Amino acid sequence: MSAEQIATQPYDYRGIVGSLQYLVRGKRLDIANAVRELSKFLSCYNRTHWDAARRVLKYLKGTSTYGLLLDGKTSDVKYEVYTDASFAC
């Protein structure tokens, strides 16, 4: 998008991505990869990036009532967590 087109957009792409980053840090780790990809284009976004950001917002709206209940009452539940920290080497 040109600078003029960016200035006339009804929504602030950078603001939306910033808000999504806030959600990732606080509660919504499930959107971390999508937000990381959106963040790559903060200074050179186009219609494709706008559409991708809208898809993330639509996903959030559709999954706003989902959650993970950890109440400590069930003893037979086992959790497995995997991480990949080798990317920094």
PDB file of N, CA and C in Angstrom:
ATOM      1  N   MET A   1       0.834  -1.176   0.000  1.00  0.00           N
ATOM      2  CA  MET A   1       0.000   0.000   0.000  1.00  0.00           C
ATOM      3  C   MET A   1       0.879   1.239   0.000  1.00  0.00           C
ATOM      4  N   SER A   2       0.381   2.245  -0.637  1.00  0.00           N
ATOM      5  CA  SER A   2       1.121   3.505  -0.633  1.00  0.00           C
ATOM      6  C   SER A   2       0.871   4.232   0.690  1.00  0.00           C
ATOM      7  N   ALA A   3       1.664   5.259   0.935  1.00  0.00           N
ATOM      8  CA  ALA A   3       1.512   6.033   2.173  1.00  0.00           C
ATOM      9  C   ALA A   3       0.131   6.686   2.243  1.00  0.00           C
ATOM     10  N   GLU A   4      -0.386   7.125   1.096  1.00  0.00           N
ATOM     11  CA  GLU A   4      -1.710   7.749   1.076  1.00  0.00           C
ATOM     12  C   GLU A   4      -2.804   6.740   1.388  1.00  0.00           C
ATOM     13  N   GLN A   5      -2.678   5.534   0.832  1.00  0.00           N
ATOM     14  CA  GLN A   5      -3.672   4.500   1.100  1.00  0.00           C
ATOM     15  C   GLN A   5      -3.652   4.084   2.568  1.00  0.00           C
ATOM     16  N   ILE A   6      -2.449   3.998   3.130  1.00  0.00           N
ATOM     17  CA  ILE A   6      -2.329   3.634   4.538  1.00  0.00           C
ATOM     18  C   ILE A   6      -2.999   4.690   5.418  1.00  0.00           C
ATOM     19  N   ALA A   7      -2.802   5.952   5.076  1.00  0.00           N
ATOM     20  CA  ALA A   7      -3.364   7.042   5.879  1.00  0.00           C
ATOM     21  C   ALA A   7      -4.886   7.062   5.846  1.00  0.00           C
ATOM     22  N   THR A   8      -5.502   6.569   4.771  1.00  0.00           N
ATOM     23  CA  THR A   8      -6.955   6.612   4.642  1.00  0.00           C
ATOM     24  C   THR A   8      -7.643   5.343   5.130  1.00  0.00           C
ATOM     25  N   GLN A   9      -6.912   4.396   5.657  1.00  0.00           N
ATOM     26  CA  GLN A   9      -7.523   3.166   6.147  1.00  0.00           C
ATOM     27  C   GLN A   9      -8.376   3.460   7.379  1.00  0.00           C
ATOM     28  N   PRO A  10      -9.555   2.817   7.469  1.00  0.00           N
ATOM     29  CA  PRO A  10     -10.425   3.071   8.616  1.00  0.00           C
ATOM     30  C   PRO A  10      -9.892   2.459   9.912  1.00  0.00           C
ATOM     31  N   TYR A  11      -9.003   1.501   9.809  1.00  0.00           N
ATOM     32  CA  TYR A  11      -8.438   0.859  10.990  1.00  0.00           C
ATOM     33  C   TYR A  11      -6.922   0.948  10.934  1.00  0.00           C
ATOM     34  N   ASP A  12      -6.324   0.939  12.081  1.00  0.00           N
ATOM     35  CA  ASP A  12      -4.880   1.040  12.203  1.00  0.00           C
ATOM     36  C   ASP A  12      -4.289  -0.373  12.267  1.00  0.00           C
ATOM     37  N   TYR A  13      -3.656  -0.823  11.185  1.00  0.00           N
ATOM     38  CA  TYR A  13      -3.079  -2.169  11.131  1.00  0.00           C
ATOM     39  C   TYR A  13      -2.081  -2.370  12.259  1.00  0.00           C
ATOM     40  N   ARG A  14      -1.217  -1.400  12.464  1.00  0.00           N
ATOM     41  CA  ARG A  14      -0.209  -1.522  13.528  1.00  0.00           C
ATOM     42  C   ARG A  14      -0.870  -1.608  14.896  1.00  0.00           C
ATOM     43  N   GLY A  15      -1.916  -0.865  15.091  1.00  0.00           N
ATOM     44  CA  GLY A  15      -2.643  -0.907  16.360  1.00  0.00           C
ATOM     45  C   GLY A  15      -3.305  -2.251  16.595  1.00  0.00           C
ATOM     46  N   ILE A  16      -3.880  -2.809  15.526  1.00  0.00           N
ATOM     47  CA  ILE A  16      -4.511  -4.122  15.634  1.00  0.00           C
ATOM     48  C   ILE A  16      -3.472  -5.176  15.980  1.00  0.00           C
ATOM     49  N   VAL A  17      -2.355  -5.163  15.277  1.00  0.00           N
ATOM     50  CA  VAL A  17      -1.299  -6.145  15.543  1.00  0.00           C
ATOM     51  C   VAL A  17      -0.743  -5.951  16.954  1.00  0.00           C
ATOM     52  N   GLY A  18      -0.588  -4.714  17.387  1.00  0.00           N
ATOM     53  CA  GLY A  18      -0.132  -4.452  18.750  1.00  0.00           C
ATOM     54  C   GLY A  18      -1.092  -5.002  19.790  1.00  0.00           C
ATOM     55  N   SER A  19      -2.371  -4.844  19.548  1.00  0.00           N
ATOM     56  CA  SER A  19      -3.374  -5.392  20.464  1.00  0.00           C
ATOM     57  C   SER A  19      -3.326  -6.915  20.480  1.00  0.00           C
ATOM     58  N   LEU A  20      -3.120  -7.506  19.315  1.00  0.00           N
ATOM     59  CA  LEU A  20      -2.995  -8.964  19.251  1.00  0.00           C
ATOM     60  C   LEU A  20      -1.753  -9.439  20.000  1.00  0.00           C
ATOM     61  N   GLN A  21      -0.667  -8.681  19.903  1.00  0.00           N
ATOM     62  CA  GLN A  21       0.548  -9.033  20.650  1.00  0.00           C
ATOM     63  C   GLN A  21       0.287  -8.991  22.152  1.00  0.00           C
ATOM     64  N   TYR A  22      -0.481  -8.027  22.587  1.00  0.00           N
ATOM     65  CA  TYR A  22      -0.844  -7.934  24.001  1.00  0.00           C
ATOM     66  C   TYR A  22      -1.623  -9.177  24.428  1.00  0.00           C
ATOM     67  N   LEU A  23      -2.553  -9.612  23.595  1.00  0.00           N
ATOM     68  CA  LEU A  23      -3.326 -10.812  23.914  1.00  0.00           C
ATOM     69  C   LEU A  23      -2.443 -12.049  23.987  1.00  0.00           C
ATOM     70  N   VAL A  24      -1.474 -12.146  23.090  1.00  0.00           N
ATOM     71  CA  VAL A  24      -0.567 -13.299  23.097  1.00  0.00           C
ATOM     72  C   VAL A  24       0.205 -13.342  24.405  1.00  0.00           C
ATOM     73  N   ARG A  25       0.686 -12.206  24.851  1.00  0.00           N
ATOM     74  CA  ARG A  25       1.477 -12.165  26.090  1.00  0.00           C
ATOM     75  C   ARG A  25       0.632 -12.488  27.313  1.00  0.00           C
ATOM     76  N   GLY A  26      -0.643 -12.164  27.259  1.00  0.00           N
ATOM     77  CA  GLY A  26      -1.485 -12.350  28.428  1.00  0.00           C
ATOM     78  C   GLY A  26      -2.213 -13.668  28.495  1.00  0.00           C
ATOM     79  N   LYS A  27      -2.926 -14.020  27.435  1.00  0.00           N
ATOM     80  CA  LYS A  27      -3.827 -15.162  27.533  1.00  0.00           C
ATOM     81  C   LYS A  27      -3.873 -16.068  26.310  1.00  0.00           C
ATOM     82  N   ARG A  28      -3.697 -15.526  25.127  1.00  0.00           N
ATOM     83  CA  ARG A  28      -4.018 -16.275  23.916  1.00  0.00           C
ATOM     84  C   ARG A  28      -2.774 -16.744  23.169  1.00  0.00           C
ATOM     85  N   LEU A  29      -2.120 -17.740  23.712  1.00  0.00           N
ATOM     86  CA  LEU A  29      -0.927 -18.279  23.067  1.00  0.00           C
ATOM     87  C   LEU A  29      -1.247 -18.986  21.757  1.00  0.00           C
ATOM     88  N   ASP A  30      -2.498 -19.358  21.554  1.00  0.00           N
ATOM     89  CA  ASP A  30      -2.891 -20.062  20.342  1.00  0.00           C
ATOM     90  C   ASP A  30      -2.768 -19.207  19.080  1.00  0.00           C
ATOM     91  N   ILE A  31      -2.677 -17.899  19.227  1.00  0.00           N
ATOM     92  CA  ILE A  31      -2.548 -17.030  18.052  1.00  0.00           C
ATOM     93  C   ILE A  31      -1.129 -16.492  17.886  1.00  0.00           C
ATOM     94  N   ALA A  32      -0.196 -16.996  18.670  1.00  0.00           N
ATOM     95  CA  ALA A  32       1.167 -16.451  18.673  1.00  0.00           C
ATOM     96  C   ALA A  32       1.821 -16.514  17.300  1.00  0.00           C
ATOM     97  N   ASN A  33       1.702 -17.619  16.608  1.00  0.00           N
ATOM     98  CA  ASN A  33       2.355 -17.750  15.307  1.00  0.00           C
ATOM     99  C   ASN A  33       1.743 -16.801  14.280  1.00  0.00           C
ATOM    100  N   ALA A  34       0.435 -16.707  14.267  1.00  0.00           N
ATOM    101  CA  ALA A  34      -0.226 -15.797  13.323  1.00  0.00           C
ATOM    102  C   ALA A  34       0.177 -14.347  13.591  1.00  0.00           C
ATOM    103  N   VAL A  35       0.248 -13.971  14.855  1.00  0.00           N
ATOM    104  CA  VAL A  35       0.621 -12.597  15.207  1.00  0.00           C
ATOM    105  C   VAL A  35       2.081 -12.338  14.861  1.00  0.00           C
ATOM    106  N   ARG A  36       2.919 -13.332  15.048  1.00  0.00           N
ATOM    107  CA  ARG A  36       4.330 -13.181  14.667  1.00  0.00           C
ATOM    108  C   ARG A  36       4.444 -12.898  13.173  1.00  0.00           C
ATOM    109  N   GLU A  37       3.680 -13.627  12.374  1.00  0.00           N
ATOM    110  CA  GLU A  37       3.710 -13.409  10.924  1.00  0.00           C
ATOM    111  C   GLU A  37       3.161 -12.030  10.560  1.00  0.00           C
ATOM    112  N   LEU A  38       2.083 -11.617  11.193  1.00  0.00           N
ATOM    113  CA  LEU A  38       1.526 -10.286  10.923  1.00  0.00           C
ATOM    114  C   LEU A  38       2.520  -9.190  11.292  1.00  0.00           C
ATOM    115  N   SER A  39       3.290  -9.422  12.343  1.00  0.00           N
ATOM    116  CA  SER A  39       4.247  -8.418  12.826  1.00  0.00           C
ATOM    117  C   SER A  39       5.385  -8.168  11.849  1.00  0.00           C
ATOM    118  N   LYS A  40       5.644  -9.099  10.977  1.00  0.00           N
ATOM    119  CA  LYS A  40       6.724  -8.936   9.999  1.00  0.00           C
ATOM    120  C   LYS A  40       6.425  -7.822   8.996  1.00  0.00           C
ATOM    121  N   PHE A  41       5.166  -7.447   8.874  1.00  0.00           N
ATOM    122  CA  PHE A  41       4.755  -6.522   7.821  1.00  0.00           C
ATOM    123  C   PHE A  41       4.176  -5.222   8.371  1.00  0.00           C
ATOM    124  N   LEU A  42       4.652  -4.781   9.513  1.00  0.00           N
ATOM    125  CA  LEU A  42       4.112  -3.563  10.127  1.00  0.00           C
ATOM    126  C   LEU A  42       4.385  -2.316   9.303  1.00  0.00           C
ATOM    127  N   SER A  43       5.479  -2.296   8.563  1.00  0.00           N
ATOM    128  CA  SER A  43       5.796  -1.095   7.786  1.00  0.00           C
ATOM    129  C   SER A  43       5.508  -1.253   6.297  1.00  0.00           C
ATOM    130  N   CYS A  44       5.143  -2.440   5.866  1.00  0.00           N
ATOM    131  CA  CYS A  44       4.898  -2.641   4.423  1.00  0.00           C
ATOM    132  C   CYS A  44       3.730  -3.599   4.203  1.00  0.00           C
ATOM    133  N   TYR A  45       2.627  -3.341   4.860  1.00  0.00           N
ATOM    134  CA  TYR A  45       1.482  -4.240   4.731  1.00  0.00           C
ATOM    135  C   TYR A  45       0.651  -3.899   3.503  1.00  0.00           C
ATOM    136  N   ASN A  46      -0.159  -4.874   3.089  1.00  0.00           N
ATOM    137  CA  ASN A  46      -1.073  -4.662   1.974  1.00  0.00           C
ATOM    138  C   ASN A  46      -2.404  -5.344   2.288  1.00  0.00           C
ATOM    139  N   ARG A  47      -3.237  -5.483   1.297  1.00  0.00           N
ATOM    140  CA  ARG A  47      -4.581  -6.042   1.490  1.00  0.00           C
ATOM    141  C   ARG A  47      -4.524  -7.464   2.042  1.00  0.00           C
ATOM    142  N   THR A  48      -3.564  -8.247   1.612  1.00  0.00           N
ATOM    143  CA  THR A  48      -3.419  -9.618   2.097  1.00  0.00           C
ATOM    144  C   THR A  48      -3.194  -9.637   3.606  1.00  0.00           C
ATOM    145  N   HIS A  49      -2.384  -8.717   4.094  1.00  0.00           N
ATOM    146  CA  HIS A  49      -2.096  -8.663   5.524  1.00  0.00           C
ATOM    147  C   HIS A  49      -3.320  -8.198   6.312  1.00  0.00           C
ATOM    148  N   TRP A  50      -4.056  -7.245   5.743  1.00  0.00           N
ATOM    149  CA  TRP A  50      -5.312  -6.808   6.371  1.00  0.00           C
ATOM    150  C   TRP A  50      -6.266  -7.985   6.504  1.00  0.00           C
ATOM    151  N   ASP A  51      -6.383  -8.763   5.424  1.00  0.00           N
ATOM    152  CA  ASP A  51      -7.286  -9.913   5.447  1.00  0.00           C
ATOM    153  C   ASP A  51      -6.849 -10.943   6.477  1.00  0.00           C
ATOM    154  N   ALA A  52      -5.545 -11.161   6.592  1.00  0.00           N
ATOM    155  CA  ALA A  52      -5.028 -12.111   7.581  1.00  0.00           C
ATOM    156  C   ALA A  52      -5.320 -11.627   9.004  1.00  0.00           C
ATOM    157  N   ALA A  53      -5.152 -10.340   9.241  1.00  0.00           N
ATOM    158  CA  ALA A  53      -5.452  -9.787  10.571  1.00  0.00           C
ATOM    159  C   ALA A  53      -6.940  -9.935  10.884  1.00  0.00           C
ATOM    160  N   ARG A  54      -7.776  -9.721   9.892  1.00  0.00           N
ATOM    161  CA  ARG A  54      -9.221  -9.899  10.087  1.00  0.00           C
ATOM    162  C   ARG A  54      -9.564 -11.346  10.401  1.00  0.00           C
ATOM    163  N   ARG A  55      -8.858 -12.286   9.757  1.00  0.00           N
ATOM    164  CA  ARG A  55      -9.096 -13.701  10.056  1.00  0.00           C
ATOM    165  C   ARG A  55      -8.745 -14.028  11.501  1.00  0.00           C
ATOM    166  N   VAL A  56      -7.658 -13.457  11.992  1.00  0.00           N
ATOM    167  CA  VAL A  56      -7.279 -13.688  13.392  1.00  0.00           C
ATOM    168  C   VAL A  56      -8.351 -13.114  14.320  1.00  0.00           C
ATOM    169  N   LEU A  57      -8.836 -11.910  14.016  1.00  0.00           N
ATOM    170  CA  LEU A  57      -9.887 -11.311  14.838  1.00  0.00           C
ATOM    171  C   LEU A  57     -11.162 -12.147  14.801  1.00  0.00           C
ATOM    172  N   LYS A  58     -11.496 -12.672  13.631  1.00  0.00           N
ATOM    173  CA  LYS A  58     -12.676 -13.525  13.506  1.00  0.00           C
ATOM    174  C   LYS A  58     -12.491 -14.812  14.309  1.00  0.00           C
ATOM    175  N   TYR A  59     -11.286 -15.373  14.273  1.00  0.00           N
ATOM    176  CA  TYR A  59     -10.986 -16.567  15.059  1.00  0.00           C
ATOM    177  C   TYR A  59     -11.152 -16.276  16.552  1.00  0.00           C
ATOM    178  N   LEU A  60     -10.640 -15.131  16.996  1.00  0.00           N
ATOM    179  CA  LEU A  60     -10.763 -14.762  18.407  1.00  0.00           C
ATOM    180  C   LEU A  60     -12.228 -14.616  18.813  1.00  0.00           C
ATOM    181  N   LYS A  61     -13.020 -14.016  17.941  1.00  0.00           N
ATOM    182  CA  LYS A  61     -14.438 -13.857  18.241  1.00  0.00           C
ATOM    183  C   LYS A  61     -15.120 -15.216  18.358  1.00  0.00           C
ATOM    184  N   GLY A  62     -14.756 -16.138  17.483  1.00  0.00           N
ATOM    185  CA  GLY A  62     -15.379 -17.457  17.490  1.00  0.00           C
ATOM    186  C   GLY A  62     -14.927 -18.362  18.620  1.00  0.00           C
ATOM    187  N   THR A  63     -13.788 -18.064  19.214  1.00  0.00           N
ATOM    188  CA  THR A  63     -13.257 -18.924  20.277  1.00  0.00           C
ATOM    189  C   THR A  63     -13.184 -18.205  21.618  1.00  0.00           C
ATOM    190  N   SER A  64     -13.916 -17.120  21.767  1.00  0.00           N
ATOM    191  CA  SER A  64     -13.820 -16.318  22.993  1.00  0.00           C
ATOM    192  C   SER A  64     -14.320 -17.054  24.229  1.00  0.00           C
ATOM    193  N   THR A  65     -15.161 -18.050  24.055  1.00  0.00           N
ATOM    194  CA  THR A  65     -15.684 -18.782  25.214  1.00  0.00           C
ATOM    195  C   THR A  65     -14.915 -20.066  25.495  1.00  0.00           C
ATOM    196  N   TYR A  66     -13.905 -20.363  24.695  1.00  0.00           N
ATOM    197  CA  TYR A  66     -13.117 -21.572  24.928  1.00  0.00           C
ATOM    198  C   TYR A  66     -12.165 -21.338  26.093  1.00  0.00           C
ATOM    199  N   GLY A  67     -11.838 -22.403  26.775  1.00  0.00           N
ATOM    200  CA  GLY A  67     -10.901 -22.266  27.884  1.00  0.00           C
ATOM    201  C   GLY A  67     -10.354 -23.617  28.295  1.00  0.00           C
ATOM    202  N   LEU A  68      -9.436 -23.588  29.203  1.00  0.00           N
ATOM    203  CA  LEU A  68      -8.833 -24.786  29.758  1.00  0.00           C
ATOM    204  C   LEU A  68      -9.001 -24.697  31.265  1.00  0.00           C
ATOM    205  N   LEU A  69      -9.753 -25.630  31.823  1.00  0.00           N
ATOM    206  CA  LEU A  69     -10.038 -25.615  33.249  1.00  0.00           C
ATOM    207  C   LEU A  69      -9.061 -26.531  33.968  1.00  0.00           C
ATOM    208  N   LEU A  70      -8.283 -25.966  34.844  1.00  0.00           N
ATOM    209  CA  LEU A  70      -7.344 -26.723  35.667  1.00  0.00           C
ATOM    210  C   LEU A  70      -7.773 -26.535  37.118  1.00  0.00           C
ATOM    211  N   ASP A  71      -8.653 -27.411  37.583  1.00  0.00           N
ATOM    212  CA  ASP A  71      -9.207 -27.225  38.924  1.00  0.00           C
ATOM    213  C   ASP A  71      -8.517 -28.055  39.997  1.00  0.00           C
ATOM    214  N   GLY A  72      -7.647 -28.983  39.614  1.00  0.00           N
ATOM    215  CA  GLY A  72      -6.923 -29.785  40.592  1.00  0.00           C
ATOM    216  C   GLY A  72      -7.726 -30.921  41.188  1.00  0.00           C
ATOM    217  N   LYS A  73      -8.948 -31.124  40.746  1.00  0.00           N
ATOM    218  CA  LYS A  73      -9.793 -32.180  41.304  1.00  0.00           C
ATOM    219  C   LYS A  73      -9.589 -33.523  40.612  1.00  0.00           C
ATOM    220  N   THR A  74      -9.083 -33.519  39.415  1.00  0.00           N
ATOM    221  CA  THR A  74      -8.883 -34.755  38.676  1.00  0.00           C
ATOM    222  C   THR A  74      -7.425 -35.165  38.793  1.00  0.00           C
ATOM    223  N   SER A  75      -7.196 -36.366  39.294  1.00  0.00           N
ATOM    224  CA  SER A  75      -5.815 -36.796  39.524  1.00  0.00           C
ATOM    225  C   SER A  75      -5.244 -37.613  38.371  1.00  0.00           C
ATOM    226  N   ASP A  76      -6.084 -38.094  37.466  1.00  0.00           N
ATOM    227  CA  ASP A  76      -5.584 -38.957  36.397  1.00  0.00           C
ATOM    228  C   ASP A  76      -5.231 -38.204  35.113  1.00  0.00           C
ATOM    229  N   VAL A  77      -5.269 -36.900  35.134  1.00  0.00           N
ATOM    230  CA  VAL A  77      -4.932 -36.108  33.952  1.00  0.00           C
ATOM    231  C   VAL A  77      -3.430 -35.897  33.908  1.00  0.00           C
ATOM    232  N   LYS A  78      -2.842 -36.148  32.746  1.00  0.00           N
ATOM    233  CA  LYS A  78      -1.412 -35.922  32.565  1.00  0.00           C
ATOM    234  C   LYS A  78      -1.230 -34.908  31.443  1.00  0.00           C
ATOM    235  N   TYR A  79      -0.368 -33.959  31.677  1.00  0.00           N
ATOM    236  CA  TYR A  79      -0.092 -32.926  30.694  1.00  0.00           C
ATOM    237  C   TYR A  79       1.298 -33.137  30.130  1.00  0.00           C
ATOM    238  N   GLU A  80       1.426 -32.976  28.841  1.00  0.00           N
ATOM    239  CA  GLU A  80       2.728 -33.045  28.194  1.00  0.00           C
ATOM    240  C   GLU A  80       2.985 -31.709  27.520  1.00  0.00           C
ATOM    241  N   VAL A  81       4.165 -31.187  27.741  1.00  0.00           N
ATOM    242  CA  VAL A  81       4.539 -29.903  27.163  1.00  0.00           C
ATOM    243  C   VAL A  81       5.816 -30.090  26.374  1.00  0.00           C
ATOM    244  N   TYR A  82       5.837 -29.584  25.158  1.00  0.00           N
ATOM    245  CA  TYR A  82       7.013 -29.678  24.303  1.00  0.00           C
ATOM    246  C   TYR A  82       7.483 -28.271  23.957  1.00  0.00           C
ATOM    247  N   THR A  83       8.767 -28.095  23.961  1.00  0.00           N
ATOM    248  CA  THR A  83       9.332 -26.810  23.553  1.00  0.00           C
ATOM    249  C   THR A  83      10.453 -27.046  22.560  1.00  0.00           C
ATOM    250  N   ASP A  84      10.752 -26.031  21.797  1.00  0.00           N
ATOM    251  CA  ASP A  84      11.850 -26.097  20.843  1.00  0.00           C
ATOM    252  C   ASP A  84      12.654 -24.817  20.989  1.00  0.00           C
ATOM    253  N   ALA A  85      13.721 -24.906  21.736  1.00  0.00           N
ATOM    254  CA  ALA A  85      14.543 -23.729  21.988  1.00  0.00           C
ATOM    255  C   ALA A  85      15.816 -23.728  21.154  1.00  0.00           C
ATOM    256  N   SER A  86      15.950 -24.661  20.241  1.00  0.00           N
ATOM    257  CA  SER A  86      17.179 -24.751  19.456  1.00  0.00           C
ATOM    258  C   SER A  86      17.254 -23.694  18.355  1.00  0.00           C
ATOM    259  N   PHE A  87      16.186 -22.938  18.127  1.00  0.00           N
ATOM    260  CA  PHE A  87      16.184 -21.946  17.053  1.00  0.00           C
ATOM    261  C   PHE A  87      17.196 -20.833  17.286  1.00  0.00           C
ATOM    262  N   ALA A  88      17.618 -20.618  18.508  1.00  0.00           N
ATOM    263  CA  ALA A  88      18.523 -19.513  18.814  1.00  0.00           C
ATOM    264  C   ALA A  88      19.991 -19.859  18.590  1.00  0.00           C
ATOM    265  N   CYS A  89      20.293 -21.091  18.332  1.00  0.00           N
ATOM    266  CA  CYS A  89      21.699 -21.499  18.160  1.00  0.00           C
ATOM    267  C   CYS A  89      22.202 -21.216  16.765  1.00  0.00           C
TER     268      CYS A  89
END
